[in-house]
N, C-alpha and C. Protein backbone atom coordinates (compact mmCIF):
# COMPACT_ATOMS: atom_id res chain seq x y z
N MET A 1 -6.69 -10.32 23.63
CA MET A 1 -5.27 -10.15 23.90
C MET A 1 -4.96 -8.67 24.08
N ASN A 2 -4.14 -8.35 25.05
CA ASN A 2 -3.76 -6.97 25.28
C ASN A 2 -2.75 -6.50 24.25
N LEU A 3 -2.76 -5.20 24.03
CA LEU A 3 -1.80 -4.60 23.12
C LEU A 3 -0.66 -4.01 23.93
N GLU A 4 0.55 -4.30 23.50
CA GLU A 4 1.72 -3.76 24.17
C GLU A 4 2.53 -2.99 23.13
N ILE A 5 2.91 -1.76 23.49
CA ILE A 5 3.68 -0.92 22.57
C ILE A 5 4.96 -0.48 23.27
N ASN A 6 6.08 -0.77 22.64
CA ASN A 6 7.36 -0.29 23.13
C ASN A 6 7.81 0.84 22.21
N LYS A 7 8.26 1.93 22.81
CA LYS A 7 8.60 3.12 22.03
C LYS A 7 10.03 3.55 22.34
N LYS A 8 10.74 3.93 21.28
CA LYS A 8 12.08 4.48 21.44
C LYS A 8 12.23 5.61 20.44
N ILE A 9 12.70 6.75 20.91
CA ILE A 9 12.92 7.89 20.01
C ILE A 9 14.41 8.17 19.98
N ASN A 10 14.93 8.27 18.76
CA ASN A 10 16.36 8.49 18.57
C ASN A 10 16.52 9.58 17.51
N GLY A 11 16.64 10.82 17.95
CA GLY A 11 16.80 11.93 17.02
C GLY A 11 15.59 12.12 16.14
N LYS A 12 15.78 11.99 14.82
CA LYS A 12 14.68 12.20 13.88
C LYS A 12 13.89 10.92 13.61
N ASN A 13 14.21 9.85 14.32
CA ASN A 13 13.53 8.57 14.13
C ASN A 13 12.86 8.10 15.41
N ALA A 14 11.67 7.56 15.24
CA ALA A 14 10.96 6.93 16.36
C ALA A 14 10.70 5.48 15.97
N PHE A 15 10.82 4.60 16.94
CA PHE A 15 10.61 3.18 16.71
C PHE A 15 9.51 2.67 17.64
N LEU A 16 8.48 2.11 17.06
CA LEU A 16 7.40 1.50 17.84
C LEU A 16 7.41 0.01 17.54
N THR A 17 7.42 -0.79 18.59
CA THR A 17 7.29 -2.24 18.43
C THR A 17 5.97 -2.61 19.07
N ILE A 18 5.13 -3.26 18.28
CA ILE A 18 3.77 -3.56 18.73
C ILE A 18 3.63 -5.07 18.90
N HIS A 19 3.04 -5.46 20.03
CA HIS A 19 2.77 -6.88 20.32
C HIS A 19 1.27 -7.01 20.58
N GLY A 20 0.64 -7.97 19.92
CA GLY A 20 -0.78 -8.23 20.19
C GLY A 20 -1.66 -7.94 18.99
N GLU A 21 -2.92 -7.76 19.26
CA GLU A 21 -3.90 -7.51 18.20
C GLU A 21 -4.29 -6.04 18.20
N VAL A 22 -4.40 -5.47 17.00
CA VAL A 22 -4.84 -4.09 16.87
C VAL A 22 -6.27 -4.12 16.36
N ASP A 23 -7.20 -3.85 17.28
CA ASP A 23 -8.62 -3.87 16.91
C ASP A 23 -9.31 -2.64 17.50
N MET A 24 -10.63 -2.61 17.43
CA MET A 24 -11.35 -1.42 17.89
C MET A 24 -11.14 -1.13 19.37
N TYR A 25 -10.76 -2.13 20.14
CA TYR A 25 -10.54 -1.93 21.56
C TYR A 25 -9.13 -1.43 21.86
N SER A 26 -8.17 -1.90 21.09
CA SER A 26 -6.77 -1.53 21.37
C SER A 26 -6.25 -0.41 20.48
N SER A 27 -6.90 -0.13 19.36
CA SER A 27 -6.37 0.90 18.46
C SER A 27 -6.30 2.30 19.09
N PRO A 28 -7.18 2.67 20.05
CA PRO A 28 -7.01 3.99 20.67
C PRO A 28 -5.64 4.15 21.36
N LEU A 29 -5.12 3.06 21.92
CA LEU A 29 -3.79 3.11 22.54
C LEU A 29 -2.72 3.36 21.47
N LEU A 30 -2.81 2.66 20.37
CA LEU A 30 -1.87 2.85 19.26
C LEU A 30 -1.98 4.28 18.73
N ARG A 31 -3.21 4.76 18.58
CA ARG A 31 -3.44 6.11 18.07
C ARG A 31 -2.77 7.14 18.99
N LYS A 32 -2.94 6.96 20.28
CA LYS A 32 -2.36 7.89 21.26
C LYS A 32 -0.84 7.98 21.10
N GLU A 33 -0.20 6.83 20.97
CA GLU A 33 1.26 6.80 20.83
C GLU A 33 1.72 7.40 19.50
N VAL A 34 1.05 7.03 18.41
CA VAL A 34 1.43 7.55 17.09
C VAL A 34 1.24 9.07 17.04
N MET A 35 0.11 9.55 17.56
CA MET A 35 -0.16 10.99 17.53
C MET A 35 0.83 11.76 18.41
N LYS A 36 1.19 11.17 19.55
CA LYS A 36 2.14 11.82 20.45
C LYS A 36 3.48 12.04 19.72
N ILE A 37 3.92 11.02 19.00
CA ILE A 37 5.18 11.11 18.26
C ILE A 37 5.04 12.09 17.09
N ALA A 38 3.95 11.97 16.34
CA ALA A 38 3.74 12.84 15.18
C ALA A 38 3.64 14.30 15.60
N ASN A 39 3.04 14.56 16.74
CA ASN A 39 2.92 15.93 17.23
C ASN A 39 4.28 16.52 17.61
N GLN A 40 5.27 15.66 17.83
CA GLN A 40 6.64 16.13 18.08
C GLN A 40 7.38 16.38 16.76
N LYS A 41 6.67 16.13 15.65
CA LYS A 41 7.21 16.32 14.30
C LYS A 41 8.49 15.49 14.06
N ILE A 42 8.46 14.27 14.54
CA ILE A 42 9.58 13.35 14.30
C ILE A 42 9.48 12.86 12.86
N GLU A 43 10.60 12.93 12.16
CA GLU A 43 10.60 12.72 10.71
C GLU A 43 10.15 11.32 10.29
N ASN A 44 10.67 10.30 10.93
CA ASN A 44 10.36 8.92 10.54
C ASN A 44 9.82 8.15 11.73
N ILE A 45 8.69 7.52 11.53
CA ILE A 45 8.13 6.63 12.56
C ILE A 45 8.13 5.22 11.98
N LEU A 46 8.99 4.39 12.52
CA LEU A 46 9.09 3.00 12.07
C LEU A 46 8.29 2.13 13.02
N ILE A 47 7.30 1.45 12.48
CA ILE A 47 6.42 0.61 13.30
C ILE A 47 6.68 -0.85 12.96
N ASP A 48 7.15 -1.59 13.96
CA ASP A 48 7.43 -3.02 13.81
C ASP A 48 6.15 -3.79 14.12
N LEU A 49 5.62 -4.45 13.10
CA LEU A 49 4.35 -5.19 13.23
C LEU A 49 4.57 -6.70 13.25
N GLN A 50 5.79 -7.13 13.48
CA GLN A 50 6.12 -8.56 13.44
C GLN A 50 5.27 -9.39 14.39
N ASP A 51 4.95 -8.83 15.57
CA ASP A 51 4.18 -9.58 16.56
C ASP A 51 2.71 -9.21 16.58
N VAL A 52 2.23 -8.64 15.48
CA VAL A 52 0.80 -8.32 15.35
C VAL A 52 0.19 -9.39 14.45
N ASN A 53 -0.68 -10.21 15.02
CA ASN A 53 -1.27 -11.29 14.22
C ASN A 53 -2.66 -10.94 13.71
N TYR A 54 -3.17 -9.77 14.12
CA TYR A 54 -4.50 -9.35 13.66
C TYR A 54 -4.58 -7.83 13.70
N MET A 55 -5.12 -7.25 12.62
CA MET A 55 -5.39 -5.81 12.61
C MET A 55 -6.69 -5.60 11.85
N ASP A 56 -7.63 -4.90 12.50
CA ASP A 56 -8.89 -4.62 11.82
C ASP A 56 -8.88 -3.21 11.24
N SER A 57 -10.00 -2.79 10.72
CA SER A 57 -10.08 -1.50 10.03
C SER A 57 -9.78 -0.32 10.94
N SER A 58 -10.06 -0.45 12.23
CA SER A 58 -9.76 0.65 13.14
C SER A 58 -8.25 0.83 13.30
N GLY A 59 -7.52 -0.27 13.28
CA GLY A 59 -6.06 -0.20 13.34
C GLY A 59 -5.49 0.42 12.08
N VAL A 60 -6.03 0.00 10.94
CA VAL A 60 -5.59 0.56 9.66
C VAL A 60 -5.90 2.06 9.62
N ALA A 61 -7.09 2.44 10.07
CA ALA A 61 -7.48 3.86 10.08
C ALA A 61 -6.55 4.67 10.97
N THR A 62 -6.13 4.10 12.09
CA THR A 62 -5.19 4.77 13.00
C THR A 62 -3.87 5.06 12.28
N LEU A 63 -3.36 4.09 11.54
CA LEU A 63 -2.10 4.27 10.83
C LEU A 63 -2.25 5.30 9.70
N ILE A 64 -3.40 5.29 9.03
CA ILE A 64 -3.64 6.28 7.97
C ILE A 64 -3.68 7.69 8.56
N GLU A 65 -4.36 7.83 9.69
CA GLU A 65 -4.44 9.13 10.35
C GLU A 65 -3.05 9.62 10.75
N GLY A 66 -2.26 8.72 11.28
CA GLY A 66 -0.88 9.07 11.65
C GLY A 66 -0.06 9.49 10.46
N LEU A 67 -0.20 8.76 9.35
CA LEU A 67 0.54 9.08 8.13
C LEU A 67 0.13 10.45 7.60
N GLN A 68 -1.17 10.75 7.62
CA GLN A 68 -1.65 12.05 7.15
C GLN A 68 -1.06 13.18 7.98
N LEU A 69 -1.01 12.99 9.29
CA LEU A 69 -0.44 14.01 10.16
C LEU A 69 1.06 14.18 9.88
N CYS A 70 1.77 13.07 9.70
CA CYS A 70 3.20 13.13 9.40
C CYS A 70 3.47 13.86 8.09
N LYS A 71 2.67 13.58 7.08
CA LYS A 71 2.87 14.19 5.77
C LYS A 71 2.74 15.71 5.83
N LYS A 72 1.94 16.21 6.76
CA LYS A 72 1.75 17.66 6.89
C LYS A 72 3.06 18.37 7.21
N TYR A 73 3.97 17.70 7.92
CA TYR A 73 5.25 18.33 8.25
C TYR A 73 6.42 17.67 7.53
N GLY A 74 6.13 16.83 6.55
CA GLY A 74 7.19 16.21 5.76
C GLY A 74 7.73 14.91 6.33
N GLY A 75 7.03 14.34 7.30
CA GLY A 75 7.46 13.08 7.89
C GLY A 75 6.80 11.90 7.21
N THR A 76 7.10 10.71 7.71
CA THR A 76 6.48 9.52 7.15
C THR A 76 6.41 8.40 8.19
N ILE A 77 5.61 7.40 7.86
CA ILE A 77 5.52 6.19 8.68
C ILE A 77 6.01 5.02 7.83
N LEU A 78 6.88 4.23 8.40
CA LEU A 78 7.37 3.02 7.74
C LEU A 78 6.83 1.83 8.52
N LEU A 79 6.37 0.83 7.81
CA LEU A 79 5.82 -0.37 8.45
C LEU A 79 6.74 -1.54 8.12
N ALA A 80 7.04 -2.36 9.12
CA ALA A 80 7.96 -3.47 8.90
C ALA A 80 7.47 -4.75 9.57
N GLY A 81 7.83 -5.88 8.95
CA GLY A 81 7.61 -7.18 9.55
C GLY A 81 6.17 -7.66 9.60
N MET A 82 5.36 -7.21 8.66
CA MET A 82 3.94 -7.62 8.67
C MET A 82 3.78 -9.12 8.44
N GLN A 83 2.92 -9.72 9.23
CA GLN A 83 2.54 -11.10 8.96
C GLN A 83 1.63 -11.10 7.72
N ASP A 84 1.55 -12.24 7.06
CA ASP A 84 0.83 -12.32 5.79
C ASP A 84 -0.61 -11.82 5.86
N ASN A 85 -1.32 -12.20 6.92
CA ASN A 85 -2.74 -11.81 7.00
C ASN A 85 -2.90 -10.30 7.19
N VAL A 86 -1.95 -9.65 7.86
CA VAL A 86 -2.01 -8.21 8.03
C VAL A 86 -1.62 -7.52 6.72
N ARG A 87 -0.58 -8.03 6.07
CA ARG A 87 -0.14 -7.47 4.80
C ARG A 87 -1.26 -7.55 3.76
N GLU A 88 -2.00 -8.65 3.80
CA GLU A 88 -3.11 -8.85 2.87
C GLU A 88 -4.14 -7.72 2.98
N VAL A 89 -4.42 -7.28 4.19
CA VAL A 89 -5.36 -6.17 4.40
C VAL A 89 -4.85 -4.92 3.69
N PHE A 90 -3.55 -4.65 3.82
CA PHE A 90 -2.96 -3.48 3.19
C PHE A 90 -2.96 -3.60 1.66
N GLU A 91 -2.74 -4.81 1.16
CA GLU A 91 -2.72 -5.02 -0.28
C GLU A 91 -4.12 -4.93 -0.88
N LEU A 92 -5.11 -5.52 -0.20
CA LEU A 92 -6.48 -5.48 -0.70
C LEU A 92 -7.03 -4.06 -0.77
N THR A 93 -6.62 -3.23 0.18
CA THR A 93 -7.09 -1.85 0.23
C THR A 93 -6.14 -0.90 -0.52
N ARG A 94 -5.12 -1.49 -1.15
CA ARG A 94 -4.13 -0.75 -1.93
C ARG A 94 -3.31 0.22 -1.08
N LEU A 95 -3.32 0.03 0.22
CA LEU A 95 -2.53 0.89 1.10
C LEU A 95 -1.04 0.55 1.03
N ASP A 96 -0.73 -0.59 0.41
CA ASP A 96 0.68 -0.93 0.20
C ASP A 96 1.33 0.03 -0.79
N LYS A 97 0.50 0.79 -1.52
CA LYS A 97 1.01 1.81 -2.45
C LYS A 97 1.25 3.14 -1.73
N ILE A 98 0.65 3.30 -0.55
CA ILE A 98 0.72 4.56 0.18
C ILE A 98 1.77 4.51 1.29
N PHE A 99 1.83 3.38 1.99
CA PHE A 99 2.80 3.21 3.08
C PHE A 99 4.09 2.62 2.52
N LYS A 100 5.19 2.95 3.18
CA LYS A 100 6.46 2.29 2.89
C LYS A 100 6.47 1.03 3.75
N ILE A 101 6.41 -0.12 3.10
CA ILE A 101 6.33 -1.40 3.81
C ILE A 101 7.58 -2.22 3.54
N TYR A 102 8.19 -2.71 4.61
CA TYR A 102 9.42 -3.48 4.51
C TYR A 102 9.20 -4.87 5.11
N ASN A 103 9.94 -5.85 4.58
CA ASN A 103 9.79 -7.22 5.06
C ASN A 103 10.22 -7.38 6.50
N ASN A 104 11.20 -6.59 6.92
CA ASN A 104 11.68 -6.70 8.30
C ASN A 104 12.24 -5.36 8.78
N VAL A 105 12.47 -5.28 10.06
CA VAL A 105 12.95 -4.04 10.67
C VAL A 105 14.36 -3.71 10.20
N THR A 106 15.19 -4.71 10.02
CA THR A 106 16.57 -4.48 9.58
C THR A 106 16.59 -3.74 8.24
N THR A 107 15.77 -4.19 7.30
CA THR A 107 15.70 -3.54 5.99
C THR A 107 15.19 -2.11 6.11
N ALA A 108 14.18 -1.92 6.95
CA ALA A 108 13.61 -0.59 7.14
C ALA A 108 14.63 0.36 7.78
N LYS A 109 15.35 -0.13 8.78
CA LYS A 109 16.37 0.70 9.44
C LYS A 109 17.48 1.07 8.46
N ALA A 110 17.84 0.14 7.58
CA ALA A 110 18.88 0.41 6.57
C ALA A 110 18.40 1.55 5.65
N GLU A 111 17.12 1.55 5.35
CA GLU A 111 16.54 2.62 4.52
C GLU A 111 16.64 3.97 5.22
N LEU A 112 16.48 3.99 6.53
CA LEU A 112 16.57 5.23 7.30
C LEU A 112 17.99 5.79 7.31
N GLN A 113 18.98 4.92 7.12
CA GLN A 113 20.37 5.37 7.13
C GLN A 113 20.78 6.05 5.83
N LYS A 114 19.97 5.92 4.80
CA LYS A 114 20.32 6.50 3.48
C LYS A 114 20.17 8.00 3.50
């Protein structure tokens, strides 16, 4: 399945909506988009994972790399709408303690308004 990424930047917030599977073949595309935004030093990158039904270690590594780059300038990555099998990967690797994870985009956006 192809990966589709929709991007919107609004001031200090960037919104990525991802559709498809994030694996070793598609994660370079995700990495390119996340790094492009992080290099602009955008404070918050909200990634909607609602339509991602599979993510392997390369996808997880891409998000970790993006988070590390964001932290260097005081930014962060927020993850929203994870399906259970994707959330499980983050919980098993204890990355749910490192990333800000929200049940849905609405909740995550409300957090950005604070």
